[in-house]
Amino acid sequence: MRTVVFDLDGTLADTSADLLAAANACLGQPVLGPHDALTAFAGGRAMLRLGFARLGLAWSEAEVSRDYPRLLAAYAEAICVETRLYPGVVAAVEALRRDGYATAICTNKPEGLAEELLRRLGVRALFGAVVGADTLPVRKPDPAPYRLAVSWAGGTVARSMLVGDTATDRMTGRAAGVPVVLVTFGPEGRAVAQLHPEALLDHFDDLSALVARLMPG
């Protein structure tokens, strides 16, 4: 079965505001703002590093690891306050499924948080599998989580592709040997063109045509 695998943060949904709010709660003051969305999509540890630097604190990776669970706990308590799906997501994924494609998610968000967010957004049923940062001992850009997402969705890697928003997704696609589409409405905008994906996606209305071109039946 042909399979389309999606990243989550910055690809299907703009989660940056809730991620930044969790980091600020962990740091004890609002040192990160909307202009730090790109750092938010790089993960909780990246936000903590930036926050410590903004506060002028000396820090080590041990301190980042110490505070990371507190950040995750804060995020879990307010995971879907400001988060919104990007326009056209539901219609685009439903169209793919009607056309016979399997759909899955491969994210570097912890699996439990990804499952909860998708449930809160009302779209969990649209995806046959969800693989997160802690599902396996490795995470993207290692291709193993991607391959697992395809397998769990009932597909084969040779007939699959990845939709994402960052260099991590581009590297994952290369490692797995599959086409990659990068969205241009994430925090990096059209700068993702410099990563030379197989295609760029400006709006989810265009997804079905891109998938048909990159992964013909």
Foldseek 3Di string as FASTA:
>chain_A
DFEEEEEPDLFFKPQQVLLQVLLCVLLVHNQDDPLCSVQSLVDQLSSNVVSCVSVVHDDDVVVSVVSSVSSVVSCLVPVPPPMDTAPPNVVLLVVCVVVPYAYFYAYQAPQVSVCVVCVVNVNNVSHQYYHYNPNDPHGFPQLVSVQVRQVSSPHHLVNYEYEEADLRRLSSCVNSVAAYEHEQPGSCHPVCVVSVGPYYHDGSVCVVVVSCVRRPD
